[in-house]
Amino acid sequence: MKHTLFRYFLFILMFSNCSVNYGQLNYAGKISSDLEEVSGMENIPNSDSFWMVNDSGNDPKVYEVNAKGKIYKTLYINGKNRDWEDLTKDKAGNLYVGDFGNNANDRKNQTIYMLSASDLASKKSIEPQKITFSFPDQKKFPPKKKNRHFDVESFFHHNGNLYLFTKSRTKSDYGRTNLYKIPAKAGKYKAEFISTFNTCSDLECWVTSAAMSPNGKKVVLLSHNAVWQFTDFKGDDFLGGTVKKYDLGHTSQKESICFTDNSTVYISDEESHGSGRNLYVFLLD
């Protein structure tokens, strides 16, 4: 009888695991519950681990997480988590935390915290440098509903600059993203507009994260159910390059994407309605 029950529960377990459909994504692991609202992720140089942060209202902490989603280390950042939305790094290993979420389009103090590589390696509490910015084409806070294109959830570092991709809050224009750049050093800046791209018009087309490949030849944008890849771009007009859309075949509140090599990206999603908080692997062409 015990053997029969064991085989029965084993069958149920196998069936339940097989019934989970992640579409084109490969499941890598369940992220620790301390990162229930994981909103930003970046791989750690010379490591198989990642830096991760939580969304708005959570503690100002950066977590070191392994490739299965387990937390190894927690660092406290001397700053406020008003709406942390994405992470990126430079070639020296310095980390940038994007506190630039702006759902209501009324913020005048969008901030990026710069954490030095040496502090990340040696300290438990970090005093960051601050980069603040505003948009030259935003005149009202908030603007009219038809002009609410100043939320930001995505950025990456390249050649001494930080490239920002906005998230539209305008109905019927949700897939619009504007590309801007600012210097990647402490200071206060007016962002420089570069170009615009439209994914589609639905809520699921919101751009929630961005990344550049290590060789600088690919840029990806993430939404809840797709990845857009840009190649063959000229200069830093990344959105003007050749576009390929990858339908992931899986919809969830995906908030983070980063490269681990020139053709492999890791993706994470927030926990929502009892699902998510997963780490996935996806291969690009």
C-alpha atoms as a PDB file:
ATOM      1  CA  MET A   1       0.000   0.000   0.000  1.00  0.00           C
ATOM      2  CA  LYS A   2       2.838   2.393   0.887  1.00  0.00           C
ATOM      3  CA  HIS A   3       4.513   1.724  -2.461  1.00  0.00           C
ATOM      4  CA  THR A   4       1.210   2.330  -4.265  1.00  0.00           C
ATOM      5  CA  LEU A   5       0.732   5.665  -2.495  1.00  0.00           C
ATOM      6  CA  PHE A   6       4.308   6.655  -3.225  1.00  0.00           C
ATOM      7  CA  ARG A   7       3.902   5.928  -6.930  1.00  0.00           C
ATOM      8  CA  TYR A   8       0.612   7.839  -6.944  1.00  0.00           C
ATOM      9  CA  PHE A   9       2.130  10.985  -5.398  1.00  0.00           C
ATOM     10  CA  LEU A  10       5.159  10.710  -7.672  1.00  0.00           C
ATOM     11  CA  PHE A  11       2.840  10.617 -10.689  1.00  0.00           C
ATOM     12  CA  ILE A  12       0.933  13.669  -9.418  1.00  0.00           C
ATOM     13  CA  LEU A  13       4.195  15.553  -8.867  1.00  0.00           C
ATOM     14  CA  MET A  14       5.506  14.704 -12.333  1.00  0.00           C
ATOM     15  CA  PHE A  15       2.207  15.617 -13.952  1.00  0.00           C
ATOM     16  CA  SER A  16       2.006  18.964 -12.152  1.00  0.00           C
ATOM     17  CA  ASN A  17       5.585  19.860 -13.166  1.00  0.00           C
ATOM     18  CA  CYS A  18       4.967  18.915 -16.776  1.00  0.00           C
ATOM     19  CA  SER A  19       1.743  20.922 -16.880  1.00  0.00           C
ATOM     20  CA  VAL A  20       3.559  24.206 -16.263  1.00  0.00           C
ATOM     21  CA  ASN A  21       4.038  25.892 -19.611  1.00  0.00           C
ATOM     22  CA  TYR A  22       6.705  28.579 -19.855  1.00  0.00           C
ATOM     23  CA  GLY A  23       6.421  28.894 -23.614  1.00  0.00           C
ATOM     24  CA  GLN A  24       9.794  29.603 -25.228  1.00  0.00           C
ATOM     25  CA  LEU A  25      11.440  30.253 -21.862  1.00  0.00           C
ATOM     26  CA  ASN A  26      13.555  27.748 -19.967  1.00  0.00           C
ATOM     27  CA  TYR A  27      12.825  27.746 -16.240  1.00  0.00           C
ATOM     28  CA  ALA A  28      15.981  28.304 -14.151  1.00  0.00           C
ATOM     29  CA  GLY A  29      14.668  28.604 -10.592  1.00  0.00           C
ATOM     30  CA  LYS A  30      12.357  30.180  -8.037  1.00  0.00           C
ATOM     31  CA  ILE A  31      13.607  33.526  -6.729  1.00  0.00           C
ATOM     32  CA  SER A  32      13.717  33.988  -2.955  1.00  0.00           C
ATOM     33  CA  SER A  33      10.538  35.361  -1.366  1.00  0.00           C
ATOM     34  CA  ASP A  34      12.514  38.411  -0.179  1.00  0.00           C
ATOM     35  CA  LEU A  35      12.413  39.460  -3.848  1.00  0.00           C
ATOM     36  CA  GLU A  36       8.671  39.118  -4.359  1.00  0.00           C
ATOM     37  CA  GLU A  37       8.635  42.344  -6.392  1.00  0.00           C
ATOM     38  CA  VAL A  38      11.919  41.867  -8.235  1.00  0.00           C
ATOM     39  CA  SER A  39      12.157  44.729 -10.715  1.00  0.00           C
ATOM     40  CA  GLY A  40      15.785  44.887 -11.783  1.00  0.00           C
ATOM     41  CA  MET A  41      18.549  42.393 -12.505  1.00  0.00           C
ATOM     42  CA  GLU A  42      22.147  42.521 -13.738  1.00  0.00           C
ATOM     43  CA  ASN A  43      24.756  39.795 -13.945  1.00  0.00           C
ATOM     44  CA  ILE A  44      27.875  40.057 -11.779  1.00  0.00           C
ATOM     45  CA  PRO A  45      31.202  40.055 -13.667  1.00  0.00           C
ATOM     46  CA  ASN A  46      33.238  36.833 -13.449  1.00  0.00           C
ATOM     47  CA  SER A  47      30.394  35.113 -11.648  1.00  0.00           C
ATOM     48  CA  ASP A  48      27.291  33.031 -12.254  1.00  0.00           C
ATOM     49  CA  SER A  49      25.308  35.301  -9.912  1.00  0.00           C
ATOM     50  CA  PHE A  50      23.163  38.405 -10.338  1.00  0.00           C
ATOM     51  CA  TRP A  51      22.406  41.652  -8.553  1.00  0.00           C
ATOM     52  CA  MET A  52      18.664  42.129  -7.992  1.00  0.00           C
ATOM     53  CA  VAL A  53      16.411  44.803  -6.462  1.00  0.00           C
ATOM     54  CA  ASN A  54      12.773  45.119  -5.468  1.00  0.00           C
ATOM     55  CA  ASP A  55      10.181  47.583  -6.725  1.00  0.00           C
ATOM     56  CA  SER A  56       8.749  50.687  -5.018  1.00  0.00           C
ATOM     57  CA  GLY A  57       8.024  50.774  -1.305  1.00  0.00           C
ATOM     58  CA  ASN A  58      10.571  48.107  -0.419  1.00  0.00           C
ATOM     59  CA  ASP A  59      13.793  48.563   1.538  1.00  0.00           C
ATOM     60  CA  PRO A  60      16.727  50.179  -0.302  1.00  0.00           C
ATOM     61  CA  LYS A  61      18.635  46.922  -0.629  1.00  0.00           C
ATOM     62  CA  VAL A  62      20.615  45.200  -3.363  1.00  0.00           C
ATOM     63  CA  TYR A  63      20.717  41.404  -3.320  1.00  0.00           C
ATOM     64  CA  GLU A  64      23.292  39.011  -4.715  1.00  0.00           C
ATOM     65  CA  VAL A  65      21.374  36.040  -6.100  1.00  0.00           C
ATOM     66  CA  ASN A  66      22.637  32.828  -7.694  1.00  0.00           C
ATOM     67  CA  ALA A  67      21.419  31.336 -10.986  1.00  0.00           C
ATOM     68  CA  LYS A  68      18.763  29.321  -9.129  1.00  0.00           C
ATOM     69  CA  GLY A  69      17.274  32.362  -7.396  1.00  0.00           C
ATOM     70  CA  LYS A  70      18.845  31.907  -3.937  1.00  0.00           C
ATOM     71  CA  ILE A  71      20.084  35.006  -2.095  1.00  0.00           C
ATOM     72  CA  TYR A  72      23.769  34.949  -1.151  1.00  0.00           C
ATOM     73  CA  LYS A  73      24.254  38.475   0.152  1.00  0.00           C
ATOM     74  CA  THR A  74      22.233  41.580   0.990  1.00  0.00           C
ATOM     75  CA  LEU A  75      23.619  45.132   0.835  1.00  0.00           C
ATOM     76  CA  TYR A  76      21.952  48.243   2.267  1.00  0.00           C
ATOM     77  CA  ILE A  77      22.014  51.395   0.110  1.00  0.00           C
ATOM     78  CA  ASN A  78      21.867  54.792   1.806  1.00  0.00           C
ATOM     79  CA  GLY A  79      19.028  56.095  -0.348  1.00  0.00           C
ATOM     80  CA  LYS A  80      15.284  55.849  -0.721  1.00  0.00           C
ATOM     81  CA  ASN A  81      13.530  53.207  -2.793  1.00  0.00           C
ATOM     82  CA  ARG A  82      10.838  55.446  -4.196  1.00  0.00           C
ATOM     83  CA  ASP A  83      10.457  53.326  -7.325  1.00  0.00           C
ATOM     84  CA  TRP A  84      13.503  51.225  -8.208  1.00  0.00           C
ATOM     85  CA  GLU A  85      12.931  49.772 -11.649  1.00  0.00           C
ATOM     86  CA  ASP A  86      16.107  48.494 -13.320  1.00  0.00           C
ATOM     87  CA  LEU A  87      19.821  47.778 -12.906  1.00  0.00           C
ATOM     88  CA  THR A  88      22.807  48.091 -15.183  1.00  0.00           C
ATOM     89  CA  LYS A  89      26.590  48.008 -14.831  1.00  0.00           C
ATOM     90  CA  ASP A  90      29.637  49.443 -16.581  1.00  0.00           C
ATOM     91  CA  LYS A  91      32.775  47.581 -17.651  1.00  0.00           C
ATOM     92  CA  ALA A  92      34.473  48.360 -14.338  1.00  0.00           C
ATOM     93  CA  GLY A  93      31.718  46.545 -12.442  1.00  0.00           C
ATOM     94  CA  ASN A  94      30.099  49.668 -10.972  1.00  0.00           C
ATOM     95  CA  LEU A  95      26.352  49.163 -10.522  1.00  0.00           C
ATOM     96  CA  TYR A  96      23.613  51.664 -11.354  1.00  0.00           C
ATOM     97  CA  VAL A  97      20.195  51.508  -9.646  1.00  0.00           C
ATOM     98  CA  GLY A  98      17.392  53.237 -11.527  1.00  0.00           C
ATOM     99  CA  ASP A  99      15.039  54.992  -9.085  1.00  0.00           C
ATOM    100  CA  PHE A 100      13.077  56.482 -11.949  1.00  0.00           C
ATOM    101  CA  GLY A 101       9.677  54.777 -11.926  1.00  0.00           C
ATOM    102  CA  ASN A 102       7.106  57.509 -12.575  1.00  0.00           C
ATOM    103  CA  ASN A 103       3.644  56.018 -12.951  1.00  0.00           C
ATOM    104  CA  ALA A 104       1.851  59.339 -12.521  1.00  0.00           C
ATOM    105  CA  ASN A 105       4.374  61.263 -14.656  1.00  0.00           C
ATOM    106  CA  ASP A 106       4.676  63.833 -11.858  1.00  0.00           C
ATOM    107  CA  ARG A 107       8.222  63.234 -10.589  1.00  0.00           C
ATOM    108  CA  LYS A 108      10.829  65.977 -10.765  1.00  0.00           C
ATOM    109  CA  ASN A 109      13.511  64.000  -8.955  1.00  0.00           C
ATOM    110  CA  GLN A 110      14.168  60.874 -10.995  1.00  0.00           C
ATOM    111  CA  THR A 111      17.421  59.478  -9.671  1.00  0.00           C
ATOM    112  CA  ILE A 112      20.056  56.881 -10.476  1.00  0.00           C
ATOM    113  CA  TYR A 113      22.283  55.585  -7.684  1.00  0.00           C
ATOM    114  CA  MET A 114      25.838  54.650  -8.647  1.00  0.00           C
ATOM    115  CA  LEU A 115      27.466  51.961  -6.477  1.00  0.00           C
ATOM    116  CA  SER A 116      31.212  51.461  -6.854  1.00  0.00           C
ATOM    117  CA  ALA A 117      32.557  47.990  -7.585  1.00  0.00           C
ATOM    118  CA  SER A 118      34.885  48.184  -4.576  1.00  0.00           C
ATOM    119  CA  ASP A 119      31.996  49.023  -2.212  1.00  0.00           C
ATOM    120  CA  LEU A 120      29.917  46.185  -3.633  1.00  0.00           C
ATOM    121  CA  ALA A 121      32.746  43.768  -2.891  1.00  0.00           C
ATOM    122  CA  SER A 122      33.680  44.995   0.566  1.00  0.00           C
ATOM    123  CA  LYS A 123      30.832  46.816   2.312  1.00  0.00           C
ATOM    124  CA  LYS A 124      27.445  45.870   3.745  1.00  0.00           C
ATOM    125  CA  SER A 125      26.182  49.454   3.711  1.00  0.00           C
ATOM    126  CA  ILE A 126      26.952  51.675   0.711  1.00  0.00           C
ATOM    127  CA  GLU A 127      26.922  55.439   0.289  1.00  0.00           C
ATOM    128  CA  PRO A 128      26.035  55.912  -3.401  1.00  0.00           C
ATOM    129  CA  GLN A 129      26.796  58.702  -5.809  1.00  0.00           C
ATOM    130  CA  LYS A 130      23.684  60.311  -7.294  1.00  0.00           C
ATOM    131  CA  ILE A 131      22.738  61.074 -10.868  1.00  0.00           C
ATOM    132  CA  THR A 132      19.528  63.074 -11.306  1.00  0.00           C
ATOM    133  CA  PHE A 133      17.831  63.978 -14.556  1.00  0.00           C
ATOM    134  CA  SER A 134      14.775  65.524 -16.141  1.00  0.00           C
ATOM    135  CA  PHE A 135      13.270  65.432 -19.613  1.00  0.00           C
ATOM    136  CA  PRO A 136      13.612  68.559 -21.791  1.00  0.00           C
ATOM    137  CA  ASP A 137      10.240  67.934 -23.433  1.00  0.00           C
ATOM    138  CA  GLN A 138       8.252  67.596 -20.193  1.00  0.00           C
ATOM    139  CA  LYS A 139       6.725  70.939 -19.254  1.00  0.00           C
ATOM    140  CA  LYS A 140       3.955  69.904 -16.838  1.00  0.00           C
ATOM    141  CA  PHE A 141       3.939  67.512 -13.848  1.00  0.00           C
ATOM    142  CA  PRO A 142       1.877  65.591 -14.701  1.00  0.00           C
ATOM    143  CA  PRO A 143       1.245  66.413 -18.379  1.00  0.00           C
ATOM    144  CA  LYS A 144      -2.085  65.800 -20.053  1.00  0.00           C
ATOM    145  CA  LYS A 145      -3.036  62.130 -20.285  1.00  0.00           C
ATOM    146  CA  LYS A 146      -2.267  62.016 -24.001  1.00  0.00           C
ATOM    147  CA  ASN A 147       1.335  63.090 -23.289  1.00  0.00           C
ATOM    148  CA  ARG A 148       2.285  60.821 -20.398  1.00  0.00           C
ATOM    149  CA  HIS A 149       5.447  59.285 -21.804  1.00  0.00           C
ATOM    150  CA  PHE A 150       7.857  60.018 -18.939  1.00  0.00           C
ATOM    151  CA  ASP A 151       7.718  56.882 -16.834  1.00  0.00           C
ATOM    152  CA  VAL A 152      11.023  54.941 -16.972  1.00  0.00           C
ATOM    153  CA  GLU A 153      11.632  51.265 -16.221  1.00  0.00           C
ATOM    154  CA  SER A 154      14.577  50.447 -18.479  1.00  0.00           C
ATOM    155  CA  PHE A 155      18.164  51.498 -19.029  1.00  0.00           C
ATOM    156  CA  PHE A 156      21.691  50.303 -19.719  1.00  0.00           C
ATOM    157  CA  HIS A 157      25.247  51.618 -19.725  1.00  0.00           C
ATOM    158  CA  HIS A 158      27.315  52.076 -22.886  1.00  0.00           C
ATOM    159  CA  ASN A 159      30.467  54.106 -23.626  1.00  0.00           C
ATOM    160  CA  GLY A 160      30.179  56.371 -20.607  1.00  0.00           C
ATOM    161  CA  ASN A 161      26.466  57.085 -20.980  1.00  0.00           C
ATOM    162  CA  LEU A 162      23.244  55.741 -19.538  1.00  0.00           C
ATOM    163  CA  TYR A 163      20.501  55.089 -22.081  1.00  0.00           C
ATOM    164  CA  LEU A 164      16.935  55.455 -20.796  1.00  0.00           C
ATOM    165  CA  PHE A 165      13.858  53.878 -22.376  1.00  0.00           C
ATOM    166  CA  THR A 166      10.552  55.407 -21.316  1.00  0.00           C
ATOM    167  CA  LYS A 167       7.327  53.550 -20.592  1.00  0.00           C
ATOM    168  CA  SER A 168       4.140  55.132 -21.932  1.00  0.00           C
ATOM    169  CA  ARG A 169       1.163  55.685 -19.638  1.00  0.00           C
ATOM    170  CA  THR A 170      -1.053  56.972 -22.452  1.00  0.00           C
ATOM    171  CA  LYS A 171      -4.017  54.787 -23.380  1.00  0.00           C
ATOM    172  CA  SER A 172      -3.819  53.330 -26.923  1.00  0.00           C
ATOM    173  CA  ASP A 173      -0.115  54.250 -27.016  1.00  0.00           C
ATOM    174  CA  TYR A 174       1.221  51.879 -24.352  1.00  0.00           C
ATOM    175  CA  GLY A 175       3.886  50.399 -26.622  1.00  0.00           C
ATOM    176  CA  ARG A 176       5.659  53.672 -27.269  1.00  0.00           C
ATOM    177  CA  THR A 177       9.176  54.017 -25.846  1.00  0.00           C
ATOM    178  CA  ASN A 178      11.394  57.083 -26.177  1.00  0.00           C
ATOM    179  CA  LEU A 179      15.170  56.715 -26.012  1.00  0.00           C
ATOM    180  CA  TYR A 180      17.245  59.317 -24.145  1.00  0.00           C
ATOM    181  CA  LYS A 181      20.792  59.453 -22.826  1.00  0.00           C
ATOM    182  CA  ILE A 182      22.619  61.086 -19.918  1.00  0.00           C
ATOM    183  CA  PRO A 183      26.239  60.935 -18.734  1.00  0.00           C
ATOM    184  CA  ALA A 184      27.064  58.074 -16.361  1.00  0.00           C
ATOM    185  CA  LYS A 185      28.578  60.252 -13.663  1.00  0.00           C
ATOM    186  CA  ALA A 186      27.312  62.111 -10.630  1.00  0.00           C
ATOM    187  CA  GLY A 187      25.453  65.289 -11.480  1.00  0.00           C
ATOM    188  CA  LYS A 188      22.151  66.789 -12.615  1.00  0.00           C
ATOM    189  CA  TYR A 189      21.256  66.525 -16.286  1.00  0.00           C
ATOM    190  CA  LYS A 190      18.696  67.235 -18.976  1.00  0.00           C
ATOM    191  CA  ALA A 191      18.263  63.967 -20.856  1.00  0.00           C
ATOM    192  CA  GLU A 192      19.071  64.075 -24.566  1.00  0.00           C
ATOM    193  CA  PHE A 193      16.332  62.664 -26.818  1.00  0.00           C
ATOM    194  CA  ILE A 194      17.494  60.199 -29.496  1.00  0.00           C
ATOM    195  CA  SER A 195      14.548  58.347 -31.073  1.00  0.00           C
ATOM    196  CA  THR A 196      11.204  56.580 -30.601  1.00  0.00           C
ATOM    197  CA  PHE A 197       9.960  53.045 -31.164  1.00  0.00           C
ATOM    198  CA  ASN A 198       6.489  51.495 -30.927  1.00  0.00           C
ATOM    199  CA  THR A 199       6.089  47.855 -29.922  1.00  0.00           C
ATOM    200  CA  CYS A 200       2.271  47.792 -30.177  1.00  0.00           C
ATOM    201  CA  SER A 201      -0.642  49.538 -28.484  1.00  0.00           C
ATOM    202  CA  ASP A 202      -1.646  47.061 -25.755  1.00  0.00           C
ATOM    203  CA  LEU A 203      -0.784  47.026 -22.051  1.00  0.00           C
ATOM    204  CA  GLU A 204       1.229  43.843 -22.532  1.00  0.00           C
ATOM    205  CA  CYS A 205       3.548  45.783 -24.859  1.00  0.00           C
ATOM    206  CA  TRP A 206       4.871  48.041 -22.103  1.00  0.00           C
ATOM    207  CA  VAL A 207       8.668  48.156 -22.120  1.00  0.00           C
ATOM    208  CA  THR A 208       9.781  47.024 -18.660  1.00  0.00           C
ATOM    209  CA  SER A 209      13.531  46.387 -19.021  1.00  0.00           C
ATOM    210  CA  ALA A 210      16.422  46.792 -21.461  1.00  0.00           C
ATOM    211  CA  ALA A 211      19.924  45.396 -21.911  1.00  0.00           C
ATOM    212  CA  MET A 212      22.899  45.478 -24.266  1.00  0.00           C
ATOM    213  CA  SER A 213      25.020  42.450 -25.175  1.00  0.00           C
ATOM    214  CA  PRO A 214      28.643  42.379 -23.946  1.00  0.00           C
ATOM    215  CA  ASN A 215      29.954  42.973 -27.484  1.00  0.00           C
ATOM    216  CA  GLY A 216      27.662  45.990 -27.928  1.00  0.00           C
ATOM    217  CA  LYS A 217      26.017  44.576 -31.053  1.00  0.00           C
ATOM    218  CA  LYS A 218      22.583  43.690 -29.664  1.00  0.00           C
ATOM    219  CA  VAL A 219      20.012  45.634 -27.677  1.00  0.00           C
ATOM    220  CA  VAL A 220      16.918  43.982 -26.229  1.00  0.00           C
ATOM    221  CA  LEU A 221      13.696  45.393 -24.827  1.00  0.00           C
ATOM    222  CA  LEU A 222      11.400  43.302 -22.626  1.00  0.00           C
ATOM    223  CA  SER A 223       7.622  43.312 -22.257  1.00  0.00           C
ATOM    224  CA  HIS A 224       5.271  40.973 -20.382  1.00  0.00           C
ATOM    225  CA  ASN A 225       5.216  38.487 -23.261  1.00  0.00           C
ATOM    226  CA  ALA A 226       7.928  39.377 -25.785  1.00  0.00           C
ATOM    227  CA  VAL A 227      11.508  40.439 -26.415  1.00  0.00           C
ATOM    228  CA  TRP A 228      12.476  42.905 -29.159  1.00  0.00           C
ATOM    229  CA  GLN A 229      16.035  42.591 -30.432  1.00  0.00           C
ATOM    230  CA  PHE A 230      17.804  45.427 -32.281  1.00  0.00           C
ATOM    231  CA  THR A 231      20.944  44.876 -34.354  1.00  0.00           C
ATOM    232  CA  ASP A 232      22.874  46.706 -37.095  1.00  0.00           C
ATOM    233  CA  PHE A 233      22.171  50.100 -35.521  1.00  0.00           C
ATOM    234  CA  LYS A 234      24.282  53.163 -36.236  1.00  0.00           C
ATOM    235  CA  GLY A 235      25.910  55.005 -33.361  1.00  0.00           C
ATOM    236  CA  ASP A 236      23.578  55.116 -30.387  1.00  0.00           C
ATOM    237  CA  ASP A 237      20.298  55.203 -32.313  1.00  0.00           C
ATOM    238  CA  PHE A 238      19.642  51.655 -31.143  1.00  0.00           C
ATOM    239  CA  LEU A 239      15.945  51.822 -31.992  1.00  0.00           C
ATOM    240  CA  GLY A 240      16.796  52.572 -35.620  1.00  0.00           C
ATOM    241  CA  GLY A 241      18.449  49.185 -36.146  1.00  0.00           C
ATOM    242  CA  THR A 242      17.097  45.949 -37.588  1.00  0.00           C
ATOM    243  CA  VAL A 243      14.277  44.670 -35.371  1.00  0.00           C
ATOM    244  CA  LYS A 244      13.336  41.101 -34.540  1.00  0.00           C
ATOM    245  CA  LYS A 245      10.467  40.275 -32.199  1.00  0.00           C
ATOM    246  CA  TYR A 246      10.496  37.089 -30.125  1.00  0.00           C
ATOM    247  CA  ASP A 247       7.061  36.026 -28.908  1.00  0.00           C
ATOM    248  CA  LEU A 248       7.783  34.213 -25.657  1.00  0.00           C
ATOM    249  CA  GLY A 249       4.519  32.260 -25.591  1.00  0.00           C
ATOM    250  CA  HIS A 250       4.204  33.126 -21.904  1.00  0.00           C
ATOM    251  CA  THR A 251       2.642  36.161 -20.232  1.00  0.00           C
ATOM    252  CA  SER A 252       3.550  37.317 -16.730  1.00  0.00           C
ATOM    253  CA  GLN A 253       4.716  40.483 -15.006  1.00  0.00           C
ATOM    254  CA  LYS A 254       8.210  40.321 -16.461  1.00  0.00           C
ATOM    255  CA  GLU A 255      10.320  43.201 -15.183  1.00  0.00           C
ATOM    256  CA  SER A 256      13.996  42.343 -15.747  1.00  0.00           C
ATOM    257  CA  ILE A 257      16.331  41.165 -18.477  1.00  0.00           C
ATOM    258  CA  CYS A 258      20.129  40.950 -18.710  1.00  0.00           C
ATOM    259  CA  PHE A 259      22.758  39.273 -20.888  1.00  0.00           C
ATOM    260  CA  THR A 260      25.152  36.629 -19.611  1.00  0.00           C
ATOM    261  CA  ASP A 261      26.831  36.279 -23.025  1.00  0.00           C
ATOM    262  CA  ASN A 262      26.165  37.639 -26.508  1.00  0.00           C
ATOM    263  CA  SER A 263      23.246  35.289 -27.198  1.00  0.00           C
ATOM    264  CA  THR A 264      21.881  34.349 -23.750  1.00  0.00           C
ATOM    265  CA  VAL A 265      19.548  36.466 -21.621  1.00  0.00           C
ATOM    266  CA  TYR A 266      18.084  35.853 -18.197  1.00  0.00           C
ATOM    267  CA  ILE A 267      14.592  37.138 -17.458  1.00  0.00           C
ATOM    268  CA  SER A 268      12.735  37.462 -14.171  1.00  0.00           C
ATOM    269  CA  ASP A 269       9.145  38.234 -13.250  1.00  0.00           C
ATOM    270  CA  GLU A 270       7.399  39.578 -10.170  1.00  0.00           C
ATOM    271  CA  GLU A 271       5.037  37.455  -8.148  1.00  0.00           C
ATOM    272  CA  SER A 272       1.485  38.270  -9.195  1.00  0.00           C
ATOM    273  CA  HIS A 273      -1.802  36.458  -8.555  1.00  0.00           C
ATOM    274  CA  GLY A 274      -0.002  33.474  -7.059  1.00  0.00           C
ATOM    275  CA  SER A 275       2.484  32.927  -9.890  1.00  0.00           C
ATOM    276  CA  GLY A 276       5.780  34.363 -11.056  1.00  0.00           C
ATOM    277  CA  ARG A 277       8.909  35.232  -9.030  1.00  0.00           C
ATOM    278  CA  ASN A 278      10.757  32.975 -11.434  1.00  0.00           C
ATOM    279  CA  LEU A 279      14.094  33.127 -13.190  1.00  0.00           C
ATOM    280  CA  TYR A 280      14.175  32.096 -16.865  1.00  0.00           C
ATOM    281  CA  VAL A 281      16.763  31.607 -19.596  1.00  0.00           C
ATOM    282  CA  PHE A 282      16.169  32.562 -23.231  1.00  0.00           C
ATOM    283  CA  LEU A 283      18.449  32.124 -26.246  1.00  0.00           C
ATOM    284  CA  LEU A 284      18.617  34.755 -28.986  1.00  0.00           C
ATOM    285  CA  ASP A 285      19.660  34.187 -32.587  1.00  0.00           C
END
